[in-house]
Amino acid sequence: MASTDIINLRVPPEQKAIIDLAAALTGKNRTAFILEHAVRSAEELLLEKSHFQLSTAQWNAFQAALDAPVRDNPALKRLLATPAPWDDGE
């Protein structure tokens, strides 16, 4: 079994109750629920904050791709013209 670290957390009773309710609704215990959602939130934040470096040539190619005219895409046009299932046409 892999080793684990302990994270201690103080939580107001109201927040604990909300967490416990949500954990119960997902069929998880409190620890599993908190860990899953904390990791997911951390991953999303890290993905948003990621940056990449490009050479001058790569940067120019990237900008050219962004500036290029949009190509006609009939399948995308059909998709965007299709009403959403929850749209009642109004």
N, C-alpha and C. Protein backbone atom coordinates (compact mmCIF):
# COMPACT_ATOMS: atom_id res chain seq x y z
N MET A 1 0.84 -1.19 0.00
CA MET A 1 0.00 0.00 0.00
C MET A 1 0.88 1.24 0.00
N ALA A 2 0.50 2.24 -0.80
CA ALA A 2 1.27 3.48 -0.89
C ALA A 2 1.14 4.28 0.40
N SER A 3 2.18 5.01 0.73
CA SER A 3 2.11 5.83 1.93
C SER A 3 1.22 7.05 1.65
N THR A 4 0.64 7.59 2.68
CA THR A 4 -0.22 8.76 2.54
C THR A 4 0.16 9.79 3.58
N ASP A 5 -0.19 11.03 3.29
CA ASP A 5 0.02 12.12 4.24
C ASP A 5 -1.33 12.52 4.82
N ILE A 6 -1.29 13.15 5.97
CA ILE A 6 -2.50 13.60 6.63
C ILE A 6 -2.65 15.10 6.42
N ILE A 7 -3.87 15.52 6.10
CA ILE A 7 -4.21 16.93 6.01
C ILE A 7 -5.31 17.18 7.04
N ASN A 8 -5.03 18.01 8.02
CA ASN A 8 -6.04 18.35 9.01
C ASN A 8 -6.76 19.62 8.58
N LEU A 9 -8.04 19.67 8.89
CA LEU A 9 -8.87 20.75 8.39
C LEU A 9 -9.90 21.13 9.45
N ARG A 10 -10.02 22.40 9.73
CA ARG A 10 -11.08 22.88 10.63
C ARG A 10 -12.18 23.46 9.76
N VAL A 11 -13.41 23.04 10.02
CA VAL A 11 -14.53 23.42 9.18
C VAL A 11 -15.70 23.86 10.06
N PRO A 12 -16.33 24.99 9.73
CA PRO A 12 -17.53 25.39 10.46
C PRO A 12 -18.62 24.32 10.28
N PRO A 13 -19.45 24.13 11.28
CA PRO A 13 -20.48 23.08 11.23
C PRO A 13 -21.39 23.18 10.01
N GLU A 14 -21.72 24.39 9.60
CA GLU A 14 -22.61 24.55 8.44
C GLU A 14 -21.96 24.00 7.17
N GLN A 15 -20.67 24.29 7.00
CA GLN A 15 -19.97 23.81 5.82
C GLN A 15 -19.78 22.29 5.88
N LYS A 16 -19.51 21.78 7.07
CA LYS A 16 -19.37 20.33 7.23
C LYS A 16 -20.66 19.63 6.87
N ALA A 17 -21.77 20.20 7.26
CA ALA A 17 -23.08 19.60 6.94
C ALA A 17 -23.31 19.56 5.43
N ILE A 18 -22.95 20.64 4.75
CA ILE A 18 -23.10 20.69 3.29
C ILE A 18 -22.22 19.64 2.63
N ILE A 19 -20.97 19.56 3.08
CA ILE A 19 -20.04 18.57 2.53
C ILE A 19 -20.55 17.16 2.77
N ASP A 20 -21.02 16.89 3.99
CA ASP A 20 -21.52 15.56 4.31
C ASP A 20 -22.73 15.20 3.45
N LEU A 21 -23.61 16.15 3.21
CA LEU A 21 -24.79 15.89 2.38
C LEU A 21 -24.37 15.58 0.95
N ALA A 22 -23.48 16.38 0.42
CA ALA A 22 -23.01 16.16 -0.96
C ALA A 22 -22.26 14.83 -1.07
N ALA A 23 -21.46 14.51 -0.08
CA ALA A 23 -20.74 13.24 -0.09
C ALA A 23 -21.72 12.07 -0.07
N ALA A 24 -22.74 12.17 0.76
CA ALA A 24 -23.74 11.10 0.84
C ALA A 24 -24.47 10.95 -0.49
N LEU A 25 -24.78 12.07 -1.14
CA LEU A 25 -25.48 12.01 -2.43
C LEU A 25 -24.64 11.34 -3.51
N THR A 26 -23.33 11.43 -3.38
CA THR A 26 -22.44 10.80 -4.37
C THR A 26 -22.01 9.40 -3.95
N GLY A 27 -22.44 8.97 -2.77
CA GLY A 27 -22.07 7.63 -2.30
C GLY A 27 -20.63 7.55 -1.81
N LYS A 28 -20.06 8.67 -1.44
CA LYS A 28 -18.68 8.69 -0.97
C LYS A 28 -18.64 9.09 0.50
N ASN A 29 -17.56 8.72 1.16
CA ASN A 29 -17.40 9.24 2.51
C ASN A 29 -16.82 10.64 2.42
N ARG A 30 -16.82 11.35 3.52
CA ARG A 30 -16.39 12.75 3.53
C ARG A 30 -14.98 12.91 3.00
N THR A 31 -14.06 12.06 3.45
CA THR A 31 -12.67 12.19 3.02
C THR A 31 -12.52 12.00 1.52
N ALA A 32 -13.15 10.97 0.98
CA ALA A 32 -13.06 10.71 -0.46
C ALA A 32 -13.66 11.86 -1.25
N PHE A 33 -14.78 12.38 -0.77
CA PHE A 33 -15.45 13.48 -1.46
C PHE A 33 -14.57 14.73 -1.47
N ILE A 34 -14.06 15.10 -0.31
CA ILE A 34 -13.22 16.30 -0.21
C ILE A 34 -11.97 16.14 -1.05
N LEU A 35 -11.31 14.99 -0.97
CA LEU A 35 -10.09 14.77 -1.72
C LEU A 35 -10.35 14.85 -3.23
N GLU A 36 -11.40 14.19 -3.69
CA GLU A 36 -11.72 14.20 -5.12
C GLU A 36 -11.95 15.62 -5.63
N HIS A 37 -12.73 16.38 -4.90
CA HIS A 37 -13.07 17.72 -5.36
C HIS A 37 -11.93 18.72 -5.16
N ALA A 38 -11.13 18.54 -4.14
CA ALA A 38 -9.98 19.42 -3.95
C ALA A 38 -8.95 19.18 -5.06
N VAL A 39 -8.72 17.92 -5.40
CA VAL A 39 -7.76 17.61 -6.47
C VAL A 39 -8.29 18.12 -7.81
N ARG A 40 -9.58 17.90 -8.08
CA ARG A 40 -10.16 18.38 -9.34
C ARG A 40 -10.03 19.90 -9.45
N SER A 41 -10.33 20.61 -8.38
CA SER A 41 -10.23 22.06 -8.38
C SER A 41 -8.78 22.51 -8.58
N ALA A 42 -7.86 21.83 -7.93
CA ALA A 42 -6.44 22.18 -8.08
C ALA A 42 -5.97 21.94 -9.51
N GLU A 43 -6.39 20.82 -10.11
CA GLU A 43 -6.01 20.53 -11.49
C GLU A 43 -6.55 21.58 -12.45
N GLU A 44 -7.80 21.97 -12.26
CA GLU A 44 -8.40 23.00 -13.12
C GLU A 44 -7.65 24.31 -13.00
N LEU A 45 -7.31 24.70 -11.79
CA LEU A 45 -6.57 25.93 -11.57
C LEU A 45 -5.20 25.86 -12.24
N LEU A 46 -4.52 24.74 -12.07
CA LEU A 46 -3.20 24.60 -12.68
C LEU A 46 -3.28 24.62 -14.20
N LEU A 47 -4.31 24.01 -14.76
CA LEU A 47 -4.47 24.04 -16.21
C LEU A 47 -4.71 25.45 -16.72
N GLU A 48 -5.49 26.22 -15.97
CA GLU A 48 -5.76 27.61 -16.36
C GLU A 48 -4.51 28.47 -16.28
N LYS A 49 -3.65 28.15 -15.37
CA LYS A 49 -2.46 28.97 -15.12
C LYS A 49 -1.25 28.47 -15.90
N SER A 50 -1.40 27.40 -16.64
CA SER A 50 -0.27 26.87 -17.41
C SER A 50 0.15 27.87 -18.47
N HIS A 51 1.40 27.90 -18.73
CA HIS A 51 1.88 28.74 -19.83
C HIS A 51 2.85 27.92 -20.65
N PHE A 52 3.02 28.32 -21.87
CA PHE A 52 3.93 27.58 -22.73
C PHE A 52 4.85 28.56 -23.41
N GLN A 53 6.01 28.07 -23.77
CA GLN A 53 6.99 28.92 -24.42
C GLN A 53 7.16 28.45 -25.86
N LEU A 54 7.27 29.40 -26.76
CA LEU A 54 7.46 29.10 -28.16
C LEU A 54 8.66 29.89 -28.68
N SER A 55 9.31 29.31 -29.65
CA SER A 55 10.36 30.05 -30.34
C SER A 55 9.68 31.15 -31.17
N THR A 56 10.44 32.05 -31.70
CA THR A 56 9.87 33.11 -32.52
C THR A 56 9.13 32.52 -33.71
N ALA A 57 9.71 31.52 -34.34
CA ALA A 57 9.06 30.89 -35.50
C ALA A 57 7.75 30.20 -35.08
N GLN A 58 7.78 29.51 -33.96
CA GLN A 58 6.57 28.85 -33.49
C GLN A 58 5.50 29.87 -33.12
N TRP A 59 5.91 30.97 -32.48
CA TRP A 59 4.95 32.02 -32.11
C TRP A 59 4.31 32.63 -33.36
N ASN A 60 5.13 32.89 -34.37
CA ASN A 60 4.60 33.45 -35.60
C ASN A 60 3.62 32.49 -36.27
N ALA A 61 3.93 31.20 -36.26
CA ALA A 61 3.03 30.19 -36.83
C ALA A 61 1.73 30.13 -36.03
N PHE A 62 1.84 30.22 -34.72
CA PHE A 62 0.66 30.21 -33.85
C PHE A 62 -0.23 31.41 -34.14
N GLN A 63 0.38 32.59 -34.24
CA GLN A 63 -0.39 33.80 -34.54
C GLN A 63 -1.03 33.72 -35.93
N ALA A 64 -0.30 33.17 -36.88
CA ALA A 64 -0.85 33.03 -38.23
C ALA A 64 -2.06 32.11 -38.23
N ALA A 65 -1.99 31.05 -37.45
CA ALA A 65 -3.13 30.13 -37.36
C ALA A 65 -4.33 30.83 -36.74
N LEU A 66 -4.10 31.64 -35.72
CA LEU A 66 -5.20 32.37 -35.09
C LEU A 66 -5.79 33.43 -36.02
N ASP A 67 -4.94 34.04 -36.82
CA ASP A 67 -5.38 35.11 -37.71
C ASP A 67 -5.94 34.61 -39.03
N ALA A 68 -5.74 33.35 -39.34
CA ALA A 68 -6.19 32.80 -40.62
C ALA A 68 -7.72 32.85 -40.70
N PRO A 69 -8.26 33.04 -41.90
CA PRO A 69 -9.72 33.05 -42.04
C PRO A 69 -10.29 31.68 -41.66
N VAL A 70 -11.48 31.72 -41.15
CA VAL A 70 -12.14 30.48 -40.74
C VAL A 70 -12.54 29.71 -41.99
N ARG A 71 -12.23 28.42 -41.99
CA ARG A 71 -12.60 27.57 -43.13
C ARG A 71 -14.06 27.19 -43.00
N ASP A 72 -14.71 27.04 -44.14
CA ASP A 72 -16.10 26.61 -44.16
C ASP A 72 -16.19 25.20 -43.59
N ASN A 73 -17.15 24.98 -42.71
CA ASN A 73 -17.32 23.67 -42.09
C ASN A 73 -18.82 23.35 -42.07
N PRO A 74 -19.32 22.71 -43.12
CA PRO A 74 -20.76 22.44 -43.21
C PRO A 74 -21.30 21.62 -42.02
N ALA A 75 -20.52 20.65 -41.55
CA ALA A 75 -20.98 19.83 -40.43
C ALA A 75 -21.16 20.68 -39.17
N LEU A 76 -20.25 21.61 -38.95
CA LEU A 76 -20.37 22.49 -37.78
C LEU A 76 -21.56 23.42 -37.94
N LYS A 77 -21.78 23.93 -39.15
CA LYS A 77 -22.94 24.79 -39.39
C LYS A 77 -24.24 24.04 -39.10
N ARG A 78 -24.34 22.77 -39.54
CA ARG A 78 -25.54 21.97 -39.26
C ARG A 78 -25.72 21.76 -37.77
N LEU A 79 -24.62 21.45 -37.10
CA LEU A 79 -24.69 21.24 -35.66
C LEU A 79 -25.19 22.48 -34.93
N LEU A 80 -24.64 23.63 -35.29
CA LEU A 80 -25.02 24.86 -34.61
C LEU A 80 -26.43 25.31 -34.98
N ALA A 81 -26.94 24.85 -36.12
CA ALA A 81 -28.31 25.20 -36.53
C ALA A 81 -29.34 24.25 -35.94
N THR A 82 -28.89 23.14 -35.37
CA THR A 82 -29.80 22.16 -34.78
C THR A 82 -30.27 22.66 -33.42
N PRO A 83 -31.59 22.70 -33.18
CA PRO A 83 -32.07 23.15 -31.86
C PRO A 83 -31.61 22.19 -30.75
N ALA A 84 -31.33 22.76 -29.62
CA ALA A 84 -30.96 21.94 -28.46
C ALA A 84 -32.16 21.12 -28.02
N PRO A 85 -31.93 19.93 -27.48
CA PRO A 85 -33.05 19.08 -27.06
C PRO A 85 -33.95 19.76 -26.04
N TRP A 86 -33.40 20.66 -25.23
CA TRP A 86 -34.20 21.33 -24.20
C TRP A 86 -34.86 22.60 -24.74
N ASP A 87 -34.55 22.97 -25.98
CA ASP A 87 -35.16 24.13 -26.60
C ASP A 87 -36.55 23.75 -27.13
N ASP A 88 -37.56 24.50 -26.72
CA ASP A 88 -38.92 24.18 -27.21
C ASP A 88 -39.29 25.05 -28.40
N GLY A 89 -38.31 25.72 -28.98
CA GLY A 89 -38.56 26.51 -30.19
C GLY A 89 -38.99 27.93 -29.95
N GLU A 90 -39.12 28.35 -28.73
CA GLU A 90 -39.55 29.72 -28.45
C GLU A 90 -38.39 30.65 -28.37
